[in-house]
Amino acid sequence: HHVSRAPHATVRVRTGIGMDTRKDVYQGKRNYVGNDSGDTATLRNDR
């Protein structure tokens, strides 16, 4: 939500709770989202 990135900049998506900054956004979860044995992450655009 309301995130834009400068050219070649990175945003880190953290699992827990925190205040969003220019470099870090927080999912607000109280449990892990990744699978310890391996995982696949999929990035989709607004469409």
All heavy atoms as atom14 arrays in JSON, in Angstrom:
{
  "sequence": "HHVSRAPHATVRVRTGIGMDTRKDVYQGKRNYVGNDSGDTATLRNDR",
  "atom14_mask": [
    [1, 1, 1, 1, 1, 1, 1, 1, 1, 1, 0, 0, 0, 0],
    [1, 1, 1, 1, 1, 1, 1, 1, 1, 1, 0, 0, 0, 0],
    [1, 1, 1, 1, 1, 1, 1, 0, 0, 0, 0, 0, 0, 0],
    [1, 1, 1, 1, 1, 1, 0, 0, 0, 0, 0, 0, 0, 0],
    [1, 1, 1, 1, 1, 1, 1, 1, 1, 1, 1, 0, 0, 0],
    [1, 1, 1, 1, 1, 0, 0, 0, 0, 0, 0, 0, 0, 0],
    [1, 1, 1, 1, 1, 1, 1, 0, 0, 0, 0, 0, 0, 0],
    [1, 1, 1, 1, 1, 1, 1, 1, 1, 1, 0, 0, 0, 0],
    [1, 1, 1, 1, 1, 0, 0, 0, 0, 0, 0, 0, 0, 0],
    [1, 1, 1, 1, 1, 1, 1, 0, 0, 0, 0, 0, 0, 0],
    [1, 1, 1, 1, 1, 1, 1, 0, 0, 0, 0, 0, 0, 0],
    [1, 1, 1, 1, 1, 1, 1, 1, 1, 1, 1, 0, 0, 0],
    [1, 1, 1, 1, 1, 1, 1, 0, 0, 0, 0, 0, 0, 0],
    [1, 1, 1, 1, 1, 1, 1, 1, 1, 1, 1, 0, 0, 0],
    [1, 1, 1, 1, 1, 1, 1, 0, 0, 0, 0, 0, 0, 0],
    [1, 1, 1, 1, 0, 0, 0, 0, 0, 0, 0, 0, 0, 0],
    [1, 1, 1, 1, 1, 1, 1, 1, 0, 0, 0, 0, 0, 0],
    [1, 1, 1, 1, 0, 0, 0, 0, 0, 0, 0, 0, 0, 0],
    [1, 1, 1, 1, 1, 1, 1, 1, 0, 0, 0, 0, 0, 0],
    [1, 1, 1, 1, 1, 1, 1, 1, 0, 0, 0, 0, 0, 0],
    [1, 1, 1, 1, 1, 1, 1, 0, 0, 0, 0, 0, 0, 0],
    [1, 1, 1, 1, 1, 1, 1, 1, 1, 1, 1, 0, 0, 0],
    [1, 1, 1, 1, 1, 1, 1, 1, 1, 0, 0, 0, 0, 0],
    [1, 1, 1, 1, 1, 1, 1, 1, 0, 0, 0, 0, 0, 0],
    [1, 1, 1, 1, 1, 1, 1, 0, 0, 0, 0, 0, 0, 0],
    [1, 1, 1, 1, 1, 1, 1, 1, 1, 1, 1, 1, 0, 0],
    [1, 1, 1, 1, 1, 1, 1, 1, 1, 0, 0, 0, 0, 0],
    [1, 1, 1, 1, 0, 0, 0, 0, 0, 0, 0, 0, 0, 0],
    [1, 1, 1, 1, 1, 1, 1, 1, 1, 0, 0, 0, 0, 0],
    [1, 1, 1, 1, 1, 1, 1, 1, 1, 1, 1, 0, 0, 0],
    [1, 1, 1, 1, 1, 1, 1, 1, 0, 0, 0, 0, 0, 0],
    [1, 1, 1, 1, 1, 1, 1, 1, 1, 1, 1, 1, 0, 0],
    [1, 1, 1, 1, 1, 1, 1, 0, 0, 0, 0, 0, 0, 0],
    [1, 1, 1, 1, 0, 0, 0, 0, 0, 0, 0, 0, 0, 0],
    [1, 1, 1, 1, 1, 1, 1, 1, 0, 0, 0, 0, 0, 0],
    [1, 1, 1, 1, 1, 1, 1, 1, 0, 0, 0, 0, 0, 0],
    [1, 1, 1, 1, 1, 1, 0, 0, 0, 0, 0, 0, 0, 0],
    [1, 1, 1, 1, 0, 0, 0, 0, 0, 0, 0, 0, 0, 0],
    [1, 1, 1, 1, 1, 1, 1, 1, 0, 0, 0, 0, 0, 0],
    [1, 1, 1, 1, 1, 1, 1, 0, 0, 0, 0, 0, 0, 0],
    [1, 1, 1, 1, 1, 0, 0, 0, 0, 0, 0, 0, 0, 0],
    [1, 1, 1, 1, 1, 1, 1, 0, 0, 0, 0, 0, 0, 0],
    [1, 1, 1, 1, 1, 1, 1, 1, 0, 0, 0, 0, 0, 0],
    [1, 1, 1, 1, 1, 1, 1, 1, 1, 1, 1, 0, 0, 0],
    [1, 1, 1, 1, 1, 1, 1, 1, 0, 0, 0, 0, 0, 0],
    [1, 1, 1, 1, 1, 1, 1, 1, 0, 0, 0, 0, 0, 0],
    [1, 1, 1, 1, 1, 1, 1, 1, 1, 1, 1, 0, 0, 0]
  ],
  "atom14_positions": [
    [[0.85, -1.19, 0.0], [0.0, 0.0, 0.0], [0.88, 1.23, 0.0], [1.74, 1.39, 0.87], [-0.91, 0.03, 1.24], [-1.88, -1.11, 1.28], [-2.99, -1.16, 0.48], [-1.88, -2.25, 2.0], [-3.65, -2.28, 0.72], [-2.99, -2.96, 1.64], [0.0, 0.0, 0.0], [0.0, 0.0, 0.0], [0.0, 0.0, 0.0], [0.0, 0.0, 0.0]],
    [[0.69, 2.09, -0.98], [1.37, 3.39, -1.05], [2.89, 3.25, -0.95], [3.54, 3.98, -0.22], [0.86, 4.33, 0.04], [-0.64, 4.4, 0.08], [-1.37, 4.94, -0.95], [-1.52, 3.97, 1.0], [-2.65, 4.85, -0.66], [-2.78, 4.27, 0.52], [0.0, 0.0, 0.0], [0.0, 0.0, 0.0], [0.0, 0.0, 0.0], [0.0, 0.0, 0.0]],
    [[3.44, 2.3, -1.69], [4.88, 2.09, -1.71], [5.38, 2.34, -3.12], [4.8, 1.86, -4.09], [5.26, 0.65, -1.28], [6.75, 0.4, -1.43], [4.8, 0.36, 0.13], [0.0, 0.0, 0.0], [0.0, 0.0, 0.0], [0.0, 0.0, 0.0], [0.0, 0.0, 0.0], [0.0, 0.0, 0.0], [0.0, 0.0, 0.0], [0.0, 0.0, 0.0]],
    [[6.43, 3.13, -3.26], [7.11, 3.27, -4.55], [8.6, 3.12, -4.29], [9.09, 3.37, -3.19], [6.78, 4.6, -5.22], [7.29, 5.66, -4.47], [0.0, 0.0, 0.0], [0.0, 0.0, 0.0], [0.0, 0.0, 0.0], [0.0, 0.0, 0.0], [0.0, 0.0, 0.0], [0.0, 0.0, 0.0], [0.0, 0.0, 0.0], [0.0, 0.0, 0.0]],
    [[9.31, 2.68, -5.28], [10.74, 2.44, -5.15], [11.49, 3.24, -6.19], [11.13, 3.25, -7.35], [11.08, 0.96, -5.38], [10.61, 0.01, -4.33], [11.38, 0.12, -3.05], [10.85, 1.21, -2.24], [11.44, 1.78, -1.22], [12.6, 1.41, -0.82], [10.89, 2.77, -0.56], [0.0, 0.0, 0.0], [0.0, 0.0, 0.0], [0.0, 0.0, 0.0]],
    [[12.54, 3.89, -5.76], [13.42, 4.58, -6.69], [14.12, 3.54, -7.57], [14.17, 2.35, -7.22], [14.46, 5.38, -5.9], [0.0, 0.0, 0.0], [0.0, 0.0, 0.0], [0.0, 0.0, 0.0], [0.0, 0.0, 0.0], [0.0, 0.0, 0.0], [0.0, 0.0, 0.0], [0.0, 0.0, 0.0], [0.0, 0.0, 0.0], [0.0, 0.0, 0.0]],
    [[14.65, 3.94, -8.71], [15.38, 2.99, -9.55], [16.46, 2.25, -8.75], [17.21, 2.87, -8.0], [15.98, 3.85, -10.64], [15.04, 5.02, -10.74], [14.58, 5.26, -9.32], [0.0, 0.0, 0.0], [0.0, 0.0, 0.0], [0.0, 0.0, 0.0], [0.0, 0.0, 0.0], [0.0, 0.0, 0.0], [0.0, 0.0, 0.0], [0.0, 0.0, 0.0]],
    [[16.49, 0.95, -8.87], [17.47, 0.06, -8.25], [17.41, 0.02, -6.72], [18.34, -0.44, -6.08], [18.88, 0.37, -8.74], [18.96, 0.41, -10.23], [18.85, -0.71, -11.01], [19.07, 1.45, -11.09], [18.92, -0.37, -12.29], [19.04, 0.93, -12.36], [0.0, 0.0, 0.0], [0.0, 0.0, 0.0], [0.0, 0.0, 0.0], [0.0, 0.0, 0.0]],
    [[16.32, 0.5, -6.14], [16.15, 0.47, -4.68], [15.4, -0.8, -4.27], [14.68, -1.4, -5.05], [15.39, 1.71, -4.21], [0.0, 0.0, 0.0], [0.0, 0.0, 0.0], [0.0, 0.0, 0.0], [0.0, 0.0, 0.0], [0.0, 0.0, 0.0], [0.0, 0.0, 0.0], [0.0, 0.0, 0.0], [0.0, 0.0, 0.0], [0.0, 0.0, 0.0]],
    [[15.57, -1.19, -3.01], [14.98, -2.41, -2.48], [14.08, -2.1, -1.3], [14.4, -1.23, -0.49], [16.1, -3.39, -2.04], [16.87, -3.74, -3.19], [15.54, -4.64, -1.39], [0.0, 0.0, 0.0], [0.0, 0.0, 0.0], [0.0, 0.0, 0.0], [0.0, 0.0, 0.0], [0.0, 0.0, 0.0], [0.0, 0.0, 0.0], [0.0, 0.0, 0.0]],
    [[12.98, -2.81, -1.2], [12.13, -2.74, -0.02], [12.14, -4.14, 0.61], [12.06, -5.14, -0.09], [10.69, -2.27, -0.34], [9.95, -3.22, -1.25], [9.91, -2.04, 0.95], [0.0, 0.0, 0.0], [0.0, 0.0, 0.0], [0.0, 0.0, 0.0], [0.0, 0.0, 0.0], [0.0, 0.0, 0.0], [0.0, 0.0, 0.0], [0.0, 0.0, 0.0]],
    [[12.31, -4.18, 1.92], [12.35, -5.45, 2.66], [10.98, -5.66, 3.3], [10.49, -4.81, 4.03], [13.44, -5.41, 3.71], [13.56, -6.69, 4.49], [14.89, -6.8, 5.15], [15.89, -7.1, 4.12], [17.2, -7.09, 4.33], [17.69, -6.8, 5.52], [18.04, -7.37, 3.36], [0.0, 0.0, 0.0], [0.0, 0.0, 0.0], [0.0, 0.0, 0.0]],
    [[10.37, -6.81, 3.02], [9.06, -7.16, 3.56], [9.3, -8.09, 4.75], [9.67, -9.25, 4.58], [8.17, -7.85, 2.5], [6.81, -8.17, 3.08], [8.04, -6.96, 1.26], [0.0, 0.0, 0.0], [0.0, 0.0, 0.0], [0.0, 0.0, 0.0], [0.0, 0.0, 0.0], [0.0, 0.0, 0.0], [0.0, 0.0, 0.0], [0.0, 0.0, 0.0]],
    [[9.08, -7.56, 5.96], [9.32, -8.32, 7.19], [8.01, -8.94, 7.67], [6.94, -8.38, 7.48], [9.91, -7.42, 8.26], [11.3, -6.91, 7.88], [11.92, -6.11, 9.01], [13.21, -5.59, 8.65], [14.37, -6.26, 8.8], [14.37, -7.47, 9.28], [15.51, -5.7, 8.46], [0.0, 0.0, 0.0], [0.0, 0.0, 0.0], [0.0, 0.0, 0.0]],
    [[8.12, -10.08, 8.33], [6.94, -10.83, 8.75], [6.23, -10.21, 9.94], [5.0, -10.15, 9.98], [7.32, -12.29, 9.07], [7.83, -12.89, 7.89], [6.12, -13.08, 9.56], [0.0, 0.0, 0.0], [0.0, 0.0, 0.0], [0.0, 0.0, 0.0], [0.0, 0.0, 0.0], [0.0, 0.0, 0.0], [0.0, 0.0, 0.0], [0.0, 0.0, 0.0]],
    [[6.95, -9.75, 10.93], [6.36, -9.32, 12.2], [5.73, -7.94, 12.17], [5.31, -7.43, 11.13], [0.0, 0.0, 0.0], [0.0, 0.0, 0.0], [0.0, 0.0, 0.0], [0.0, 0.0, 0.0], [0.0, 0.0, 0.0], [0.0, 0.0, 0.0], [0.0, 0.0, 0.0], [0.0, 0.0, 0.0], [0.0, 0.0, 0.0], [0.0, 0.0, 0.0]],
    [[5.7, -7.34, 13.34], [5.05, -6.05, 13.55], [6.11, -4.96, 13.64], [7.16, -5.16, 14.25], [4.22, -6.09, 14.84], [3.12, -7.15, 14.71], [3.63, -4.72, 15.17], [2.43, -7.48, 16.0], [0.0, 0.0, 0.0], [0.0, 0.0, 0.0], [0.0, 0.0, 0.0], [0.0, 0.0, 0.0], [0.0, 0.0, 0.0], [0.0, 0.0, 0.0]],
    [[5.83, -3.8, 13.04], [6.74, -2.67, 13.1], [6.16, -1.49, 12.35], [5.09, -1.58, 11.77], [0.0, 0.0, 0.0], [0.0, 0.0, 0.0], [0.0, 0.0, 0.0], [0.0, 0.0, 0.0], [0.0, 0.0, 0.0], [0.0, 0.0, 0.0], [0.0, 0.0, 0.0], [0.0, 0.0, 0.0], [0.0, 0.0, 0.0], [0.0, 0.0, 0.0]],
    [[6.89, -0.4, 12.36], [6.47, 0.81, 11.64], [7.11, 0.79, 10.25], [8.33, 0.67, 10.14], [6.95, 2.06, 12.4], [6.28, 2.25, 13.75], [4.56, 2.74, 13.61], [4.75, 4.39, 12.97], [0.0, 0.0, 0.0], [0.0, 0.0, 0.0], [0.0, 0.0, 0.0], [0.0, 0.0, 0.0], [0.0, 0.0, 0.0], [0.0, 0.0, 0.0]],
    [[6.28, 0.91, 9.23], [6.79, 0.94, 7.86], [7.71, 2.14, 7.67], [7.44, 3.23, 8.17], [5.64, 1.01, 6.87], [4.83, -0.27, 6.78], [5.22, -1.28, 7.38], [3.79, -0.23, 6.09], [0.0, 0.0, 0.0], [0.0, 0.0, 0.0], [0.0, 0.0, 0.0], [0.0, 0.0, 0.0], [0.0, 0.0, 0.0], [0.0, 0.0, 0.0]],
    [[8.79, 1.91, 6.92], [9.73, 2.97, 6.57], [9.95, 2.92, 5.06], [9.33, 2.11, 4.36], [11.09, 2.77, 7.28], [11.72, 1.6, 6.78], [10.93, 2.68, 8.79], [0.0, 0.0, 0.0], [0.0, 0.0, 0.0], [0.0, 0.0, 0.0], [0.0, 0.0, 0.0], [0.0, 0.0, 0.0], [0.0, 0.0, 0.0], [0.0, 0.0, 0.0]],
    [[10.86, 3.73, 4.56], [11.17, 3.71, 3.12], [11.82, 2.39, 2.73], [11.7, 1.96, 1.6], [12.09, 4.86, 2.74], [11.44, 6.21, 2.81], [12.35, 7.35, 2.37], [13.75, 7.12, 2.68], [14.75, 7.38, 1.85], [14.5, 7.9, 0.69], [15.99, 7.15, 2.21], [0.0, 0.0, 0.0], [0.0, 0.0, 0.0], [0.0, 0.0, 0.0]],
    [[12.53, 1.76, 3.65], [13.28, 0.54, 3.33], [12.63, -0.74, 3.84], [12.96, -1.82, 3.36], [14.69, 0.64, 3.9], [15.52, 1.72, 3.24], [16.92, 1.74, 3.79], [17.73, 2.81, 3.1], [19.12, 2.79, 3.52], [0.0, 0.0, 0.0], [0.0, 0.0, 0.0], [0.0, 0.0, 0.0], [0.0, 0.0, 0.0], [0.0, 0.0, 0.0]],
    [[11.76, -0.65, 4.82], [11.15, -1.84, 5.43], [9.64, -1.67, 5.55], [9.18, -0.6, 5.96], [11.69, -2.07, 6.84], [13.17, -2.39, 6.85], [13.51, -3.56, 6.62], [13.97, -1.46, 7.09], [0.0, 0.0, 0.0], [0.0, 0.0, 0.0], [0.0, 0.0, 0.0], [0.0, 0.0, 0.0], [0.0, 0.0, 0.0], [0.0, 0.0, 0.0]],
    [[8.9, -2.72, 5.19], [7.46, -2.77, 5.45], [7.19, -4.02, 6.26], [7.94, -5.01, 6.2], [6.62, -2.73, 4.16], [6.78, -1.4, 3.44], [6.96, -3.89, 3.23], [0.0, 0.0, 0.0], [0.0, 0.0, 0.0], [0.0, 0.0, 0.0], [0.0, 0.0, 0.0], [0.0, 0.0, 0.0], [0.0, 0.0, 0.0], [0.0, 0.0, 0.0]],
    [[6.14, -3.99, 7.06], [5.85, -5.07, 8.0], [4.48, -5.68, 7.72], [3.51, -4.96, 7.48], [5.9, -4.53, 9.44], [7.28, -4.06, 9.81], [7.71, -2.78, 9.47], [8.16, -4.9, 10.46], [8.99, -2.35, 9.78], [9.44, -4.48, 10.79], [9.85, -3.2, 10.44], [11.12, -2.79, 10.76], [0.0, 0.0, 0.0], [0.0, 0.0, 0.0]],
    [[4.44, -7.02, 7.76], [3.19, -7.72, 7.48], [2.26, -7.77, 8.69], [1.07, -8.02, 8.55], [3.48, -9.16, 7.02], [4.25, -9.2, 5.72], [4.43, -10.61, 5.23], [3.46, -11.33, 5.03], [5.67, -11.01, 5.06], [0.0, 0.0, 0.0], [0.0, 0.0, 0.0], [0.0, 0.0, 0.0], [0.0, 0.0, 0.0], [0.0, 0.0, 0.0]],
    [[2.79, -7.56, 9.89], [1.96, -7.57, 11.08], [1.52, -8.96, 11.51], [0.52, -9.12, 12.2], [0.0, 0.0, 0.0], [0.0, 0.0, 0.0], [0.0, 0.0, 0.0], [0.0, 0.0, 0.0], [0.0, 0.0, 0.0], [0.0, 0.0, 0.0], [0.0, 0.0, 0.0], [0.0, 0.0, 0.0], [0.0, 0.0, 0.0], [0.0, 0.0, 0.0]],
    [[2.28, -9.99, 11.12], [1.93, -11.37, 11.46], [2.48, -11.74, 12.83], [3.48, -11.2, 13.27], [2.48, -12.35, 10.42], [2.02, -12.08, 9.01], [0.56, -12.38, 8.84], [0.17, -12.22, 7.38], [-1.26, -12.22, 7.2], [0.0, 0.0, 0.0], [0.0, 0.0, 0.0], [0.0, 0.0, 0.0], [0.0, 0.0, 0.0], [0.0, 0.0, 0.0]],
    [[1.84, -12.69, 13.46], [2.29, -13.23, 14.74], [2.77, -14.67, 14.6], [2.97, -15.36, 15.59], [1.18, -13.11, 15.77], [0.81, -11.68, 16.06], [-0.19, -11.57, 17.18], [-0.63, -10.22, 17.38], [0.0, -9.3, 18.08], [1.14, -9.57, 18.65], [-0.51, -8.09, 18.21], [0.0, 0.0, 0.0], [0.0, 0.0, 0.0], [0.0, 0.0, 0.0]],
    [[2.92, -15.1, 13.35], [3.44, -16.43, 13.05], [4.27, -16.33, 11.77], [4.09, -15.4, 10.99], [2.31, -17.44, 12.89], [2.74, -18.85, 13.22], [3.94, -19.12, 13.35], [1.79, -19.74, 13.36], [0.0, 0.0, 0.0], [0.0, 0.0, 0.0], [0.0, 0.0, 0.0], [0.0, 0.0, 0.0], [0.0, 0.0, 0.0], [0.0, 0.0, 0.0]],
    [[5.14, -17.29, 11.54], [6.02, -17.28, 10.37], [5.21, -17.52, 9.1], [4.24, -18.27, 9.11], [7.11, -18.34, 10.52], [7.95, -18.1, 11.75], [7.68, -18.76, 12.94], [8.99, -17.18, 11.73], [8.42, -18.51, 14.08], [9.74, -16.92, 12.87], [9.45, -17.6, 14.04], [10.17, -17.34, 15.16], [0.0, 0.0, 0.0], [0.0, 0.0, 0.0]],
    [[5.6, -16.87, 8.02], [4.9, -17.04, 6.74], [5.65, -17.98, 5.81], [5.07, -18.55, 4.9], [4.63, -15.69, 6.03], [3.76, -14.8, 6.89], [5.91, -14.99, 5.65], [0.0, 0.0, 0.0], [0.0, 0.0, 0.0], [0.0, 0.0, 0.0], [0.0, 0.0, 0.0], [0.0, 0.0, 0.0], [0.0, 0.0, 0.0], [0.0, 0.0, 0.0]],
    [[6.96, -18.12, 6.01], [7.76, -18.99, 5.16], [7.76, -20.42, 5.66], [7.46, -20.7, 6.82], [0.0, 0.0, 0.0], [0.0, 0.0, 0.0], [0.0, 0.0, 0.0], [0.0, 0.0, 0.0], [0.0, 0.0, 0.0], [0.0, 0.0, 0.0], [0.0, 0.0, 0.0], [0.0, 0.0, 0.0], [0.0, 0.0, 0.0], [0.0, 0.0, 0.0]],
    [[8.07, -21.33, 4.77], [8.15, -22.74, 5.09], [9.62, -23.08, 5.3], [10.43, -22.87, 4.41], [7.55, -23.55, 3.93], [7.46, -25.01, 4.22], [8.07, -25.51, 5.16], [6.7, -25.71, 3.41], [0.0, 0.0, 0.0], [0.0, 0.0, 0.0], [0.0, 0.0, 0.0], [0.0, 0.0, 0.0], [0.0, 0.0, 0.0], [0.0, 0.0, 0.0]],
    [[9.97, -23.62, 6.47], [11.38, -23.88, 6.8], [12.07, -24.85, 5.85], [13.28, -24.84, 5.71], [11.5, -24.41, 8.23], [11.36, -23.3, 9.26], [11.29, -22.12, 8.86], [11.32, -23.62, 10.45], [0.0, 0.0, 0.0], [0.0, 0.0, 0.0], [0.0, 0.0, 0.0], [0.0, 0.0, 0.0], [0.0, 0.0, 0.0], [0.0, 0.0, 0.0]],
    [[11.32, -25.71, 5.18], [11.95, -26.68, 4.28], [12.2, -26.11, 2.89], [12.8, -26.75, 2.04], [11.08, -27.94, 4.18], [9.82, -27.61, 3.64], [0.0, 0.0, 0.0], [0.0, 0.0, 0.0], [0.0, 0.0, 0.0], [0.0, 0.0, 0.0], [0.0, 0.0, 0.0], [0.0, 0.0, 0.0], [0.0, 0.0, 0.0], [0.0, 0.0, 0.0]],
    [[11.74, -24.9, 2.64], [11.88, -24.27, 1.33], [10.57, -23.6, 0.98], [9.52, -23.95, 1.53], [0.0, 0.0, 0.0], [0.0, 0.0, 0.0], [0.0, 0.0, 0.0], [0.0, 0.0, 0.0], [0.0, 0.0, 0.0], [0.0, 0.0, 0.0], [0.0, 0.0, 0.0], [0.0, 0.0, 0.0], [0.0, 0.0, 0.0], [0.0, 0.0, 0.0]],
    [[10.61, -22.64, 0.1], [9.4, -21.89, -0.19], [9.47, -21.28, -1.58], [10.54, -21.16, -2.16], [9.2, -20.79, 0.84], [7.74, -20.51, 1.15], [6.87, -20.91, 0.35], [7.47, -19.9, 2.18], [0.0, 0.0, 0.0], [0.0, 0.0, 0.0], [0.0, 0.0, 0.0], [0.0, 0.0, 0.0], [0.0, 0.0, 0.0], [0.0, 0.0, 0.0]],
    [[8.32, -20.88, -2.08], [8.22, -20.12, -3.31], [7.47, -18.84, -3.0], [6.44, -18.86, -2.33], [7.47, -20.91, -4.4], [8.19, -22.1, -4.69], [7.32, -20.1, -5.68], [0.0, 0.0, 0.0], [0.0, 0.0, 0.0], [0.0, 0.0, 0.0], [0.0, 0.0, 0.0], [0.0, 0.0, 0.0], [0.0, 0.0, 0.0], [0.0, 0.0, 0.0]],
    [[8.0, -17.73, -3.47], [7.34, -16.44, -3.32], [6.97, -15.96, -4.72], [7.76, -16.08, -5.65], [8.26, -15.44, -2.64], [0.0, 0.0, 0.0], [0.0, 0.0, 0.0], [0.0, 0.0, 0.0], [0.0, 0.0, 0.0], [0.0, 0.0, 0.0], [0.0, 0.0, 0.0], [0.0, 0.0, 0.0], [0.0, 0.0, 0.0], [0.0, 0.0, 0.0]],
    [[5.77, -15.41, -4.84], [5.28, -14.92, -6.13], [4.92, -13.45, -5.99], [4.14, -13.08, -5.11], [4.05, -15.73, -6.58], [4.39, -17.11, -6.65], [3.57, -15.27, -7.95], [0.0, 0.0, 0.0], [0.0, 0.0, 0.0], [0.0, 0.0, 0.0], [0.0, 0.0, 0.0], [0.0, 0.0, 0.0], [0.0, 0.0, 0.0], [0.0, 0.0, 0.0]],
    [[5.48, -12.64, -6.88], [5.19, -11.22, -6.92], [4.22, -10.97, -8.07], [4.48, -11.38, -9.2], [6.49, -10.42, -7.14], [6.37, -8.9, -7.19], [5.93, -8.35, -5.83], [7.69, -8.29, -7.62], [0.0, 0.0, 0.0], [0.0, 0.0, 0.0], [0.0, 0.0, 0.0], [0.0, 0.0, 0.0], [0.0, 0.0, 0.0], [0.0, 0.0, 0.0]],
    [[3.08, -10.34, -7.75], [2.07, -10.01, -8.76], [1.85, -8.51, -8.79], [1.9, -7.86, -7.76], [0.74, -10.69, -8.45], [0.8, -12.2, -8.58], [-0.57, -12.82, -8.25], [-0.5, -14.26, -8.27], [-0.76, -15.01, -9.33], [-1.13, -14.44, -10.46], [-0.66, -16.32, -9.27], [0.0, 0.0, 0.0], [0.0, 0.0, 0.0], [0.0, 0.0, 0.0]],
    [[1.58, -7.99, -10.0], [1.31, -6.56, -10.11], [-0.13, -6.27, -9.72], [-0.89, -7.17, -9.34], [1.67, -6.04, -11.51], [0.79, -6.6, -12.61], [-0.29, -7.14, -12.38], [1.26, -6.47, -13.85], [0.0, 0.0, 0.0], [0.0, 0.0, 0.0], [0.0, 0.0, 0.0], [0.0, 0.0, 0.0], [0.0, 0.0, 0.0], [0.0, 0.0, 0.0]],
    [[-0.53, -5.01, -9.84], [-1.86, -4.61, -9.41], [-2.98, -5.18, -10.28], [-4.15, -5.08, -9.93], [-1.97, -3.08, -9.33], [-1.67, -2.39, -10.65], [-1.11, -3.03, -11.58], [-1.99, -1.2, -10.77], [0.0, 0.0, 0.0], [0.0, 0.0, 0.0], [0.0, 0.0, 0.0], [0.0, 0.0, 0.0], [0.0, 0.0, 0.0], [0.0, 0.0, 0.0]],
    [[-2.63, -5.79, -11.39], [-3.62, -6.45, -12.25], [-3.67, -7.95, -12.0], [-4.36, -8.68, -12.69], [-3.3, -6.18, -13.71], [-3.44, -4.72, -14.06], [-3.13, -4.5, -15.51], [-3.23, -3.08, -15.8], [-2.48, -2.46, -16.68], [-1.57, -3.14, -17.36], [-2.62, -1.17, -16.88], [0.0, 0.0, 0.0], [0.0, 0.0, 0.0], [0.0, 0.0, 0.0]]
  ]
}
